């Protein structure tokens, strides 16, 4: 039996589930500082995003914030128990389509150097390195560099 992943628009009602998901991803190399209020505040400050669900359970999420002519992915994560099913790919694709149709010129993001799965995903979409933030992430006592990536968005014909 195949598991069907449903992608839908993120709402303020999702803030608790998404904050929990993002906080759990910290242990696997995600970004810190996510809580219920920060997710809700971003949504109310003209951010947008999407959630991936299986049987009405949030298993992944992506939050995007407008940054001038660019759109910036602030976080994208998939629950550890549901990885390798394509949720992150589907979330990223939906975010790129939304940013393109909204008229943004580029999608930008940062990713830890040691996050091989995420780096592979972004590479598959054609993201290019445009910057480096040395020692940006912390892994216990270790510092990890972050690459700043960008993808030019081209409207469909």
C-alpha atoms as a PDB file:
ATOM      1  CA  UNK A   1       0.000   0.000   0.000  1.00  0.00           C
ATOM      2  CA  UNK A   2       1.360   3.410  -0.979  1.00  0.00           C
ATOM      3  CA  UNK A   3       1.249   6.301   1.413  1.00  0.00           C
ATOM      4  CA  UNK A   4      -0.291   9.398  -0.136  1.00  0.00           C
ATOM      5  CA  UNK A   5       1.262  12.731   0.785  1.00  0.00           C
ATOM      6  CA  UNK A   6      -1.013  15.751   0.574  1.00  0.00           C
ATOM      7  CA  UNK A   7       0.506  19.255   0.262  1.00  0.00           C
ATOM      8  CA  UNK A   8      -1.608  22.190   1.376  1.00  0.00           C
ATOM      9  CA  UNK A   9      -1.187  25.826   2.330  1.00  0.00           C
ATOM     10  CA  UNK A  10       0.148  26.434   5.833  1.00  0.00           C
ATOM     11  CA  UNK A  11      -2.297  28.182   8.155  1.00  0.00           C
ATOM     12  CA  UNK A  12      -1.926  29.776  11.582  1.00  0.00           C
ATOM     13  CA  UNK A  13      -3.742  26.763  13.033  1.00  0.00           C
ATOM     14  CA  UNK A  14      -0.727  24.654  11.979  1.00  0.00           C
ATOM     15  CA  UNK A  15       1.733  26.711  14.016  1.00  0.00           C
ATOM     16  CA  UNK A  16       1.985  24.315  16.971  1.00  0.00           C
ATOM     17  CA  UNK A  17       2.511  21.195  14.838  1.00  0.00           C
ATOM     18  CA  UNK A  18       4.997  22.979  12.578  1.00  0.00           C
ATOM     19  CA  UNK A  19       6.958  24.459  15.499  1.00  0.00           C
ATOM     20  CA  UNK A  20       7.187  20.982  17.037  1.00  0.00           C
ATOM     21  CA  UNK A  21       8.386  19.530  13.731  1.00  0.00           C
ATOM     22  CA  UNK A  22      11.013  22.277  13.296  1.00  0.00           C
ATOM     23  CA  UNK A  23      12.252  21.919  16.873  1.00  0.00           C
ATOM     24  CA  UNK A  24      12.657  18.152  16.426  1.00  0.00           C
ATOM     25  CA  UNK A  25      14.644  18.767  13.244  1.00  0.00           C
ATOM     26  CA  UNK A  26      17.247  20.685  15.283  1.00  0.00           C
ATOM     27  CA  UNK A  27      18.534  17.385  16.613  1.00  0.00           C
ATOM     28  CA  UNK A  28      19.111  16.284  13.014  1.00  0.00           C
ATOM     29  CA  UNK A  29      20.850  19.481  11.933  1.00  0.00           C
ATOM     30  CA  UNK A  30      17.978  21.924  11.626  1.00  0.00           C
ATOM     31  CA  UNK A  31      17.813  25.549  12.706  1.00  0.00           C
ATOM     32  CA  UNK A  32      16.969  26.537  16.274  1.00  0.00           C
ATOM     33  CA  UNK A  33      14.599  29.144  17.636  1.00  0.00           C
ATOM     34  CA  UNK A  34      11.290  27.842  16.328  1.00  0.00           C
ATOM     35  CA  UNK A  35       8.270  27.943  18.580  1.00  0.00           C
ATOM     36  CA  UNK A  36       4.525  28.289  18.186  1.00  0.00           C
ATOM     37  CA  UNK A  37       4.649  32.101  18.349  1.00  0.00           C
ATOM     38  CA  UNK A  38       7.496  32.477  15.846  1.00  0.00           C
ATOM     39  CA  UNK A  39       5.657  30.369  13.260  1.00  0.00           C
ATOM     40  CA  UNK A  40       2.410  32.286  13.818  1.00  0.00           C
ATOM     41  CA  UNK A  41       4.215  35.663  13.705  1.00  0.00           C
ATOM     42  CA  UNK A  42       5.851  34.806  10.378  1.00  0.00           C
ATOM     43  CA  UNK A  43       2.525  33.803   8.890  1.00  0.00           C
ATOM     44  CA  UNK A  44       0.969  37.070  10.027  1.00  0.00           C
ATOM     45  CA  UNK A  45       3.949  39.069   8.697  1.00  0.00           C
ATOM     46  CA  UNK A  46       3.187  38.103   5.069  1.00  0.00           C
ATOM     47  CA  UNK A  47       5.124  34.870   5.130  1.00  0.00           C
ATOM     48  CA  UNK A  48       3.679  31.869   3.383  1.00  0.00           C
ATOM     49  CA  UNK A  49       4.266  28.179   3.418  1.00  0.00           C
ATOM     50  CA  UNK A  50       3.016  24.680   2.964  1.00  0.00           C
ATOM     51  CA  UNK A  51       2.575  21.539   5.009  1.00  0.00           C
ATOM     52  CA  UNK A  52       2.870  17.926   3.952  1.00  0.00           C
ATOM     53  CA  UNK A  53       0.331  15.600   5.524  1.00  0.00           C
ATOM     54  CA  UNK A  54      -0.329  11.903   5.635  1.00  0.00           C
ATOM     55  CA  UNK A  55      -3.771  11.006   6.966  1.00  0.00           C
ATOM     56  CA  UNK A  56      -4.225  14.514   8.443  1.00  0.00           C
ATOM     57  CA  UNK A  57      -0.900  14.325  10.318  1.00  0.00           C
ATOM     58  CA  UNK A  58       1.675  17.034   9.562  1.00  0.00           C
ATOM     59  CA  UNK A  59       4.856  15.259   8.475  1.00  0.00           C
ATOM     60  CA  UNK A  60       6.647  18.167   6.813  1.00  0.00           C
ATOM     61  CA  UNK A  61       6.555  21.919   6.420  1.00  0.00           C
ATOM     62  CA  UNK A  62       8.154  24.793   4.552  1.00  0.00           C
ATOM     63  CA  UNK A  63       8.019  28.487   5.471  1.00  0.00           C
ATOM     64  CA  UNK A  64       8.916  31.248   3.011  1.00  0.00           C
ATOM     65  CA  UNK A  65       9.322  34.956   3.718  1.00  0.00           C
ATOM     66  CA  UNK A  66       9.338  37.696   1.079  1.00  0.00           C
ATOM     67  CA  UNK A  67      12.658  39.570   1.018  1.00  0.00           C
ATOM     68  CA  UNK A  68      12.298  42.386  -1.497  1.00  0.00           C
ATOM     69  CA  UNK A  69      12.314  40.845  -4.968  1.00  0.00           C
ATOM     70  CA  UNK A  70      13.438  37.517  -3.517  1.00  0.00           C
ATOM     71  CA  UNK A  71      11.614  34.863  -1.552  1.00  0.00           C
ATOM     72  CA  UNK A  72      13.593  33.201   1.231  1.00  0.00           C
ATOM     73  CA  UNK A  73      12.990  29.721   2.544  1.00  0.00           C
ATOM     74  CA  UNK A  74      13.394  30.111   6.294  1.00  0.00           C
ATOM     75  CA  UNK A  75      12.941  26.442   7.064  1.00  0.00           C
ATOM     76  CA  UNK A  76      11.928  23.215   5.419  1.00  0.00           C
ATOM     77  CA  UNK A  77      11.775  19.974   7.366  1.00  0.00           C
ATOM     78  CA  UNK A  78      10.332  16.490   7.258  1.00  0.00           C
ATOM     79  CA  UNK A  79       9.620  14.321  10.287  1.00  0.00           C
ATOM     80  CA  UNK A  80      12.384  11.746  10.707  1.00  0.00           C
ATOM     81  CA  UNK A  81       9.849   8.905  10.566  1.00  0.00           C
ATOM     82  CA  UNK A  82       8.612  10.011   7.133  1.00  0.00           C
ATOM     83  CA  UNK A  83      11.832  10.811   5.318  1.00  0.00           C
ATOM     84  CA  UNK A  84      12.620   9.503   1.823  1.00  0.00           C
ATOM     85  CA  UNK A  85       8.967   9.550   0.745  1.00  0.00           C
ATOM     86  CA  UNK A  86       9.312  12.739  -1.327  1.00  0.00           C
ATOM     87  CA  UNK A  87       7.680  15.222   1.068  1.00  0.00           C
ATOM     88  CA  UNK A  88      10.589  17.699   1.041  1.00  0.00           C
ATOM     89  CA  UNK A  89      10.726  17.544  -2.755  1.00  0.00           C
ATOM     90  CA  UNK A  90       6.983  18.209  -2.979  1.00  0.00           C
ATOM     91  CA  UNK A  91       7.149  21.063  -0.457  1.00  0.00           C
ATOM     92  CA  UNK A  92      10.067  22.724  -2.228  1.00  0.00           C
ATOM     93  CA  UNK A  93       8.408  22.368  -5.614  1.00  0.00           C
ATOM     94  CA  UNK A  94       5.182  23.920  -4.297  1.00  0.00           C
ATOM     95  CA  UNK A  95       7.108  26.792  -2.668  1.00  0.00           C
ATOM     96  CA  UNK A  96       8.982  27.480  -5.912  1.00  0.00           C
ATOM     97  CA  UNK A  97       5.755  27.486  -7.933  1.00  0.00           C
ATOM     98  CA  UNK A  98       4.101  29.873  -5.448  1.00  0.00           C
ATOM     99  CA  UNK A  99       7.100  32.225  -5.414  1.00  0.00           C
ATOM    100  CA  UNK A 100       7.288  32.218  -9.218  1.00  0.00           C
ATOM    101  CA  UNK A 101       3.584  32.921  -9.659  1.00  0.00           C
ATOM    102  CA  UNK A 102       3.855  35.731  -7.078  1.00  0.00           C
ATOM    103  CA  UNK A 103       6.508  37.438  -9.202  1.00  0.00           C
ATOM    104  CA  UNK A 104       9.610  36.867  -7.091  1.00  0.00           C
ATOM    105  CA  UNK A 105      12.919  36.878  -8.990  1.00  0.00           C
ATOM    106  CA  UNK A 106      14.850  34.361  -6.881  1.00  0.00           C
ATOM    107  CA  UNK A 107      14.415  31.823  -4.153  1.00  0.00           C
ATOM    108  CA  UNK A 108      17.202  31.979  -1.591  1.00  0.00           C
ATOM    109  CA  UNK A 109      18.021  29.816   1.405  1.00  0.00           C
ATOM    110  CA  UNK A 110      20.859  28.669   3.593  1.00  0.00           C
ATOM    111  CA  UNK A 111      21.830  25.099   4.266  1.00  0.00           C
ATOM    112  CA  UNK A 112      24.361  23.484   6.575  1.00  0.00           C
ATOM    113  CA  UNK A 113      27.423  22.106   4.832  1.00  0.00           C
ATOM    114  CA  UNK A 114      26.918  18.751   6.555  1.00  0.00           C
ATOM    115  CA  UNK A 115      23.231  18.390   5.593  1.00  0.00           C
ATOM    116  CA  UNK A 116      23.880  16.064   2.657  1.00  0.00           C
ATOM    117  CA  UNK A 117      20.244  15.179   1.971  1.00  0.00           C
ATOM    118  CA  UNK A 118      19.175  18.830   1.786  1.00  0.00           C
ATOM    119  CA  UNK A 119      22.196  19.788  -0.305  1.00  0.00           C
ATOM    120  CA  UNK A 120      21.348  16.993  -2.736  1.00  0.00           C
ATOM    121  CA  UNK A 121      17.724  18.147  -2.960  1.00  0.00           C
ATOM    122  CA  UNK A 122      18.681  21.765  -3.656  1.00  0.00           C
ATOM    123  CA  UNK A 123      21.255  20.677  -6.216  1.00  0.00           C
ATOM    124  CA  UNK A 124      18.586  18.636  -8.029  1.00  0.00           C
ATOM    125  CA  UNK A 125      16.458  21.783  -8.362  1.00  0.00           C
ATOM    126  CA  UNK A 126      19.408  23.791  -9.699  1.00  0.00           C
ATOM    127  CA  UNK A 127      20.215  26.005  -6.713  1.00  0.00           C
ATOM    128  CA  UNK A 128      23.661  27.655  -6.938  1.00  0.00           C
ATOM    129  CA  UNK A 129      25.994  28.722  -4.129  1.00  0.00           C
ATOM    130  CA  UNK A 130      26.138  32.505  -3.765  1.00  0.00           C
ATOM    131  CA  UNK A 131      27.663  32.846  -0.321  1.00  0.00           C
ATOM    132  CA  UNK A 132      29.116  31.217   2.758  1.00  0.00           C
ATOM    133  CA  UNK A 133      28.411  31.840   6.439  1.00  0.00           C
ATOM    134  CA  UNK A 134      31.287  30.407   8.411  1.00  0.00           C
ATOM    135  CA  UNK A 135      30.460  28.592  11.658  1.00  0.00           C
ATOM    136  CA  UNK A 136      26.777  29.502  11.285  1.00  0.00           C
ATOM    137  CA  UNK A 137      25.271  26.329  12.767  1.00  0.00           C
ATOM    138  CA  UNK A 138      26.241  24.606  16.008  1.00  0.00           C
ATOM    139  CA  UNK A 139      26.390  20.835  16.478  1.00  0.00           C
ATOM    140  CA  UNK A 140      27.151  20.497  20.154  1.00  0.00           C
ATOM    141  CA  UNK A 141      30.634  21.990  20.434  1.00  0.00           C
ATOM    142  CA  UNK A 142      31.243  21.860  16.661  1.00  0.00           C
ATOM    143  CA  UNK A 143      30.580  24.760  14.301  1.00  0.00           C
ATOM    144  CA  UNK A 144      29.293  24.051  10.803  1.00  0.00           C
ATOM    145  CA  UNK A 145      29.370  26.389   7.822  1.00  0.00           C
ATOM    146  CA  UNK A 146      26.179  27.356   5.994  1.00  0.00           C
ATOM    147  CA  UNK A 147      26.020  27.811   2.251  1.00  0.00           C
ATOM    148  CA  UNK A 148      23.740  30.513   0.914  1.00  0.00           C
ATOM    149  CA  UNK A 149      21.992  29.201  -2.191  1.00  0.00           C
ATOM    150  CA  UNK A 150      19.852  30.881  -4.824  1.00  0.00           C
ATOM    151  CA  UNK A 151      17.674  29.787  -7.702  1.00  0.00           C
ATOM    152  CA  UNK A 152      16.548  32.197 -10.425  1.00  0.00           C
ATOM    153  CA  UNK A 153      12.778  31.930 -10.841  1.00  0.00           C
ATOM    154  CA  UNK A 154      11.418  32.049 -14.356  1.00  0.00           C
ATOM    155  CA  UNK A 155       7.712  32.372 -15.017  1.00  0.00           C
ATOM    156  CA  UNK A 156       6.110  29.584 -17.037  1.00  0.00           C
ATOM    157  CA  UNK A 157       4.958  30.385 -20.532  1.00  0.00           C
END
